[in-house]
Amino acid sequence: MAQHLRKGKITCIEISEENAGIARKNIKDAGLEHKIEILVGDAEKVLPELKQKFDLVFLDTEKEDYIKHLKLFEKNLFKGSVIIADNVKKFKHKVK
């Protein structure tokens, strides 16, 4: 996905420093470090600090945190932004 971006950037939040390090190495090996940013920390602390807006969000977190995280990044969405949520069928009664 990142290699096909003309403009824009991919921002990832990873709670594990170890996993973030592995991801950064893979990103560097692919020559995409200028297009992908990895933020390390708990999403509940990182999301409120984000200032930029996002066209697309892929949400894959602890399933019980989906609604809470959706509310935390709602301010960072453009009108018409797309949210892709993994396993959202489990929460269809809570998601509109």
Foldseek 3Di string as FASTA:
>chain_A
DQVPDPDAAAEEEAQDPVVVVVVVVVCVVVVRPVRYHYHYHDLVVPLQVDDAAAQEAEDDDPVVCVVVSCVSNVVRYDVNRYYHYPPCVVVVVPDD
